[in-house]
Amino acid sequence: MKVYKVKVNGKVYEVEVEAVDEVNGSIAAPAAPAVTVEHKEAVQGDKIIAAPITGKVMEVKVKVGDMVKKGQTVAIIEAMKLENEIQSAYEGKVVDILVSAGSDIRNKDAMIVLE
């Protein structure tokens, strides 16, 4: 999946484009891989670290049980051929990690839950 910016009538739009295959005159998109991961339900008071950009998760630098400080790098996301360090806006204990290295992520998707 690639992300492009398109300007239409002076307004800029962000567009995600995915490659597809033509089979017998019809278009077939590749099947999305099934993901079966159990996650803890977020409860009131939990702090959610969300992705600030759309891209691919290159590395998660914390694990469940780790204590995170405000400003600490918790993950690296590749977007437009650049590696971006994602820093925590909160302090707390990691109780759930919702992404893994290699997974695609969209802007504002939850990545890590702190308690």
N, C-alpha and C. Protein backbone atom coordinates (compact mmCIF):
# COMPACT_ATOMS: atom_id res chain seq x y z
N MET A 1 0.86 -1.16 0.00
CA MET A 1 0.00 0.00 0.00
C MET A 1 0.91 1.23 0.00
N LYS A 2 0.62 2.16 -0.89
CA LYS A 2 1.39 3.40 -0.98
C LYS A 2 0.47 4.57 -0.69
N VAL A 3 1.03 5.62 -0.12
CA VAL A 3 0.28 6.82 0.21
C VAL A 3 0.76 7.95 -0.69
N TYR A 4 -0.19 8.63 -1.33
CA TYR A 4 0.12 9.75 -2.20
C TYR A 4 -0.71 10.95 -1.77
N LYS A 5 -0.18 12.14 -2.07
CA LYS A 5 -0.95 13.37 -1.88
C LYS A 5 -1.38 13.83 -3.26
N VAL A 6 -2.67 14.14 -3.40
CA VAL A 6 -3.25 14.56 -4.67
C VAL A 6 -3.91 15.92 -4.47
N LYS A 7 -3.66 16.84 -5.39
CA LYS A 7 -4.27 18.16 -5.31
C LYS A 7 -5.38 18.25 -6.34
N VAL A 8 -6.61 18.53 -5.89
CA VAL A 8 -7.78 18.64 -6.75
C VAL A 8 -8.45 19.98 -6.47
N ASN A 9 -8.54 20.82 -7.49
CA ASN A 9 -9.16 22.15 -7.35
C ASN A 9 -8.57 22.94 -6.18
N GLY A 10 -7.26 22.84 -6.00
CA GLY A 10 -6.59 23.60 -4.96
C GLY A 10 -6.63 22.97 -3.58
N LYS A 11 -7.32 21.85 -3.42
CA LYS A 11 -7.41 21.18 -2.12
C LYS A 11 -6.56 19.92 -2.16
N VAL A 12 -5.75 19.67 -1.11
CA VAL A 12 -4.86 18.53 -1.07
C VAL A 12 -5.52 17.37 -0.31
N TYR A 13 -5.49 16.18 -0.93
CA TYR A 13 -6.05 14.97 -0.33
C TYR A 13 -4.95 13.93 -0.19
N GLU A 14 -4.99 13.15 0.89
CA GLU A 14 -4.07 12.03 1.07
C GLU A 14 -4.80 10.76 0.61
N VAL A 15 -4.18 10.02 -0.32
CA VAL A 15 -4.81 8.85 -0.93
C VAL A 15 -3.92 7.64 -0.73
N GLU A 16 -4.52 6.51 -0.31
CA GLU A 16 -3.79 5.25 -0.21
C GLU A 16 -4.12 4.41 -1.43
N VAL A 17 -3.08 3.87 -2.07
CA VAL A 17 -3.26 3.09 -3.29
C VAL A 17 -2.68 1.70 -3.07
N GLU A 18 -3.44 0.69 -3.46
CA GLU A 18 -3.02 -0.70 -3.30
C GLU A 18 -2.98 -1.36 -4.68
N ALA A 19 -1.95 -2.14 -4.95
CA ALA A 19 -1.82 -2.85 -6.23
C ALA A 19 -2.87 -3.96 -6.30
N VAL A 20 -3.42 -4.18 -7.51
CA VAL A 20 -4.40 -5.25 -7.72
C VAL A 20 -4.00 -6.05 -8.95
N ASP A 21 -4.55 -7.24 -9.11
CA ASP A 21 -4.28 -8.10 -10.25
C ASP A 21 -5.54 -8.26 -11.09
N GLU A 22 -5.35 -8.40 -12.41
CA GLU A 22 -6.49 -8.65 -13.29
C GLU A 22 -6.54 -10.15 -13.58
N VAL A 23 -7.69 -10.78 -13.30
CA VAL A 23 -7.86 -12.21 -13.51
C VAL A 23 -9.13 -12.41 -14.34
N ASN A 24 -8.97 -12.95 -15.56
CA ASN A 24 -10.12 -13.22 -16.45
C ASN A 24 -11.03 -12.00 -16.61
N GLY A 25 -10.43 -10.84 -16.80
CA GLY A 25 -11.22 -9.65 -17.05
C GLY A 25 -11.78 -8.96 -15.82
N SER A 26 -11.55 -9.53 -14.65
CA SER A 26 -12.01 -8.86 -13.42
C SER A 26 -10.82 -8.56 -12.54
N ILE A 27 -10.99 -7.62 -11.66
CA ILE A 27 -9.88 -7.20 -10.80
C ILE A 27 -10.00 -7.89 -9.45
N ALA A 28 -8.89 -8.46 -9.01
CA ALA A 28 -8.87 -9.15 -7.72
C ALA A 28 -7.78 -8.54 -6.86
N ALA A 29 -8.16 -7.98 -5.74
CA ALA A 29 -7.19 -7.42 -4.79
C ALA A 29 -6.62 -8.56 -3.96
N PRO A 30 -5.35 -8.47 -3.58
CA PRO A 30 -4.78 -9.53 -2.74
C PRO A 30 -5.52 -9.62 -1.41
N ALA A 31 -5.69 -10.84 -0.93
CA ALA A 31 -6.40 -11.04 0.34
C ALA A 31 -5.56 -10.49 1.48
N ALA A 32 -6.23 -9.83 2.39
CA ALA A 32 -5.54 -9.30 3.57
C ALA A 32 -5.22 -10.46 4.51
N PRO A 33 -4.03 -10.46 5.09
CA PRO A 33 -3.69 -11.54 6.01
C PRO A 33 -4.57 -11.50 7.25
N ALA A 34 -4.95 -12.67 7.71
CA ALA A 34 -5.78 -12.76 8.92
C ALA A 34 -4.91 -12.49 10.14
N VAL A 35 -5.39 -11.65 11.01
CA VAL A 35 -4.66 -11.33 12.23
C VAL A 35 -5.51 -11.75 13.41
N THR A 36 -4.96 -12.63 14.22
CA THR A 36 -5.69 -13.06 15.41
C THR A 36 -4.81 -12.78 16.63
N VAL A 37 -5.05 -11.65 17.21
CA VAL A 37 -4.29 -11.23 18.39
C VAL A 37 -5.29 -10.84 19.45
N GLU A 38 -5.08 -11.37 20.64
CA GLU A 38 -5.96 -11.00 21.75
C GLU A 38 -5.40 -9.78 22.44
N HIS A 39 -6.27 -8.80 22.66
CA HIS A 39 -5.84 -7.59 23.33
C HIS A 39 -6.73 -7.31 24.53
N LYS A 40 -6.13 -6.68 25.52
CA LYS A 40 -6.86 -6.28 26.71
C LYS A 40 -7.81 -5.15 26.34
N GLU A 41 -8.96 -5.13 26.94
CA GLU A 41 -9.91 -4.04 26.73
C GLU A 41 -9.36 -2.79 27.40
N ALA A 42 -9.35 -1.68 26.69
CA ALA A 42 -8.92 -0.42 27.29
C ALA A 42 -9.98 0.02 28.30
N VAL A 43 -9.54 0.43 29.46
CA VAL A 43 -10.47 0.87 30.49
C VAL A 43 -10.24 2.36 30.74
N GLN A 44 -11.21 2.99 31.37
CA GLN A 44 -11.08 4.41 31.66
C GLN A 44 -9.83 4.64 32.50
N GLY A 45 -9.06 5.62 32.15
CA GLY A 45 -7.82 5.90 32.86
C GLY A 45 -6.60 5.39 32.12
N ASP A 46 -6.79 4.43 31.18
CA ASP A 46 -5.67 3.97 30.37
C ASP A 46 -5.26 5.10 29.42
N LYS A 47 -3.99 5.13 29.09
CA LYS A 47 -3.46 6.13 28.16
C LYS A 47 -3.10 5.41 26.87
N ILE A 48 -3.59 5.90 25.75
CA ILE A 48 -3.37 5.28 24.46
C ILE A 48 -2.33 6.08 23.68
N ILE A 49 -1.27 5.40 23.22
CA ILE A 49 -0.30 6.03 22.33
C ILE A 49 -0.75 5.68 20.92
N ALA A 50 -1.09 6.70 20.14
CA ALA A 50 -1.60 6.50 18.78
C ALA A 50 -0.55 6.91 17.76
N ALA A 51 -0.64 6.32 16.58
CA ALA A 51 0.28 6.65 15.50
C ALA A 51 0.01 8.07 15.00
N PRO A 52 1.04 8.90 14.92
CA PRO A 52 0.84 10.26 14.42
C PRO A 52 0.88 10.34 12.90
N ILE A 53 1.25 9.22 12.23
CA ILE A 53 1.37 9.18 10.77
C ILE A 53 0.96 7.81 10.25
N THR A 54 0.69 7.75 8.96
CA THR A 54 0.42 6.49 8.30
C THR A 54 1.73 5.91 7.80
N GLY A 55 1.94 4.62 7.98
CA GLY A 55 3.18 4.01 7.51
C GLY A 55 3.26 2.54 7.90
N LYS A 56 4.50 2.05 8.01
CA LYS A 56 4.75 0.66 8.38
C LYS A 56 5.56 0.65 9.67
N VAL A 57 5.14 -0.16 10.63
CA VAL A 57 5.86 -0.26 11.91
C VAL A 57 7.16 -1.01 11.65
N MET A 58 8.28 -0.36 11.90
CA MET A 58 9.58 -0.98 11.70
C MET A 58 10.05 -1.70 12.96
N GLU A 59 9.74 -1.10 14.12
CA GLU A 59 10.22 -1.66 15.39
C GLU A 59 9.36 -1.15 16.53
N VAL A 60 9.08 -2.04 17.48
CA VAL A 60 8.42 -1.64 18.73
C VAL A 60 9.50 -1.75 19.80
N LYS A 61 9.80 -0.64 20.47
CA LYS A 61 10.93 -0.59 21.39
C LYS A 61 10.57 -0.88 22.85
N VAL A 62 9.32 -1.22 23.12
CA VAL A 62 8.90 -1.55 24.48
C VAL A 62 8.19 -2.90 24.46
N LYS A 63 8.01 -3.46 25.65
CA LYS A 63 7.24 -4.70 25.77
C LYS A 63 6.29 -4.58 26.95
N VAL A 64 5.31 -5.46 27.00
CA VAL A 64 4.32 -5.43 28.08
C VAL A 64 5.06 -5.53 29.42
N GLY A 65 4.70 -4.65 30.33
CA GLY A 65 5.31 -4.63 31.66
C GLY A 65 6.36 -3.55 31.81
N ASP A 66 6.87 -3.00 30.71
CA ASP A 66 7.88 -1.95 30.77
C ASP A 66 7.27 -0.66 31.32
N MET A 67 8.08 0.11 32.02
CA MET A 67 7.69 1.44 32.47
C MET A 67 8.18 2.43 31.41
N VAL A 68 7.29 3.32 30.98
CA VAL A 68 7.60 4.28 29.93
C VAL A 68 7.58 5.68 30.52
N LYS A 69 8.56 6.49 30.14
CA LYS A 69 8.61 7.89 30.57
C LYS A 69 8.12 8.78 29.44
N LYS A 70 7.62 9.93 29.79
CA LYS A 70 7.17 10.91 28.80
C LYS A 70 8.36 11.29 27.92
N GLY A 71 8.17 11.24 26.60
CA GLY A 71 9.24 11.58 25.66
C GLY A 71 10.09 10.40 25.24
N GLN A 72 9.89 9.24 25.85
CA GLN A 72 10.66 8.05 25.50
C GLN A 72 10.20 7.50 24.14
N THR A 73 11.15 7.07 23.31
CA THR A 73 10.81 6.47 22.02
C THR A 73 10.24 5.08 22.27
N VAL A 74 9.02 4.84 21.75
CA VAL A 74 8.35 3.55 21.97
C VAL A 74 8.25 2.72 20.70
N ALA A 75 8.38 3.37 19.52
CA ALA A 75 8.29 2.64 18.25
C ALA A 75 8.92 3.46 17.14
N ILE A 76 9.18 2.78 16.03
CA ILE A 76 9.68 3.46 14.83
C ILE A 76 8.74 3.10 13.69
N ILE A 77 8.25 4.14 12.99
CA ILE A 77 7.36 3.95 11.85
C ILE A 77 8.04 4.51 10.61
N GLU A 78 8.06 3.70 9.54
CA GLU A 78 8.58 4.18 8.26
C GLU A 78 7.43 4.78 7.46
N ALA A 79 7.64 6.00 7.00
CA ALA A 79 6.66 6.68 6.17
C ALA A 79 7.41 7.48 5.12
N MET A 80 7.08 7.25 3.87
CA MET A 80 7.71 7.95 2.76
C MET A 80 9.24 7.82 2.80
N LYS A 81 9.70 6.61 3.06
CA LYS A 81 11.13 6.27 3.08
C LYS A 81 11.91 6.90 4.23
N LEU A 82 11.21 7.45 5.22
CA LEU A 82 11.85 8.02 6.39
C LEU A 82 11.46 7.23 7.63
N GLU A 83 12.41 6.99 8.52
CA GLU A 83 12.11 6.33 9.79
C GLU A 83 11.81 7.39 10.83
N ASN A 84 10.62 7.31 11.43
CA ASN A 84 10.16 8.30 12.40
C ASN A 84 10.08 7.67 13.78
N GLU A 85 10.75 8.28 14.74
CA GLU A 85 10.69 7.81 16.13
C GLU A 85 9.39 8.30 16.75
N ILE A 86 8.62 7.38 17.30
CA ILE A 86 7.36 7.72 17.94
C ILE A 86 7.61 7.78 19.44
N GLN A 87 7.32 8.91 20.04
CA GLN A 87 7.59 9.11 21.45
C GLN A 87 6.30 9.14 22.24
N SER A 88 6.38 8.69 23.48
CA SER A 88 5.22 8.65 24.36
C SER A 88 4.91 10.04 24.89
N ALA A 89 3.64 10.37 24.90
CA ALA A 89 3.20 11.64 25.47
C ALA A 89 2.84 11.46 26.95
N TYR A 90 2.96 10.20 27.44
CA TYR A 90 2.55 9.87 28.81
C TYR A 90 3.63 9.08 29.53
N GLU A 91 3.47 9.00 30.84
CA GLU A 91 4.26 8.08 31.66
C GLU A 91 3.33 6.97 32.10
N GLY A 92 3.85 5.77 32.24
CA GLY A 92 3.03 4.67 32.72
C GLY A 92 3.62 3.33 32.39
N LYS A 93 2.87 2.30 32.74
CA LYS A 93 3.28 0.91 32.53
C LYS A 93 2.59 0.38 31.27
N VAL A 94 3.35 -0.27 30.39
CA VAL A 94 2.79 -0.84 29.16
C VAL A 94 1.93 -2.05 29.54
N VAL A 95 0.64 -2.00 29.18
CA VAL A 95 -0.26 -3.11 29.48
C VAL A 95 -0.69 -3.85 28.23
N ASP A 96 -0.53 -3.23 27.05
CA ASP A 96 -0.89 -3.91 25.80
C ASP A 96 -0.18 -3.24 24.64
N ILE A 97 0.24 -4.06 23.69
CA ILE A 97 0.86 -3.57 22.46
C ILE A 97 -0.01 -4.06 21.31
N LEU A 98 -0.56 -3.13 20.54
CA LEU A 98 -1.54 -3.45 19.51
C LEU A 98 -0.95 -3.59 18.12
N VAL A 99 0.37 -3.39 17.97
CA VAL A 99 1.04 -3.48 16.68
C VAL A 99 2.28 -4.36 16.80
N SER A 100 2.82 -4.76 15.67
CA SER A 100 4.07 -5.51 15.66
C SER A 100 4.91 -5.04 14.49
N ALA A 101 6.20 -5.35 14.51
CA ALA A 101 7.10 -4.97 13.43
C ALA A 101 6.59 -5.54 12.12
N GLY A 102 6.56 -4.71 11.10
CA GLY A 102 6.11 -5.13 9.78
C GLY A 102 4.66 -4.84 9.48
N SER A 103 3.88 -4.47 10.50
CA SER A 103 2.46 -4.22 10.27
C SER A 103 2.25 -2.80 9.74
N ASP A 104 1.23 -2.65 8.89
CA ASP A 104 0.85 -1.33 8.38
C ASP A 104 0.00 -0.64 9.43
N ILE A 105 0.12 0.67 9.50
CA ILE A 105 -0.64 1.43 10.49
C ILE A 105 -1.11 2.73 9.86
N ARG A 106 -2.26 3.18 10.28
CA ARG A 106 -2.82 4.44 9.77
C ARG A 106 -2.72 5.51 10.84
N ASN A 107 -2.80 6.75 10.40
CA ASN A 107 -2.78 7.88 11.31
C ASN A 107 -3.87 7.74 12.37
N LYS A 108 -3.54 7.95 13.59
CA LYS A 108 -4.43 7.90 14.75
C LYS A 108 -4.84 6.50 15.19
N ASP A 109 -4.28 5.43 14.58
CA ASP A 109 -4.54 4.07 15.06
C ASP A 109 -3.85 3.89 16.41
N ALA A 110 -4.51 3.21 17.34
CA ALA A 110 -3.91 2.93 18.65
C ALA A 110 -2.74 1.96 18.48
N MET A 111 -1.65 2.24 19.15
CA MET A 111 -0.46 1.39 19.06
C MET A 111 -0.14 0.70 20.38
N ILE A 112 -0.14 1.48 21.45
CA ILE A 112 0.30 0.99 22.76
C ILE A 112 -0.64 1.53 23.82
N VAL A 113 -0.98 0.66 24.80
CA VAL A 113 -1.84 1.06 25.91
C VAL A 113 -1.00 1.11 27.18
N LEU A 114 -1.06 2.26 27.87
CA LEU A 114 -0.36 2.43 29.15
C LEU A 114 -1.38 2.52 30.27
N GLU A 115 -0.97 2.11 31.42
CA GLU A 115 -1.83 2.14 32.61
C GLU A 115 -1.28 3.15 33.59
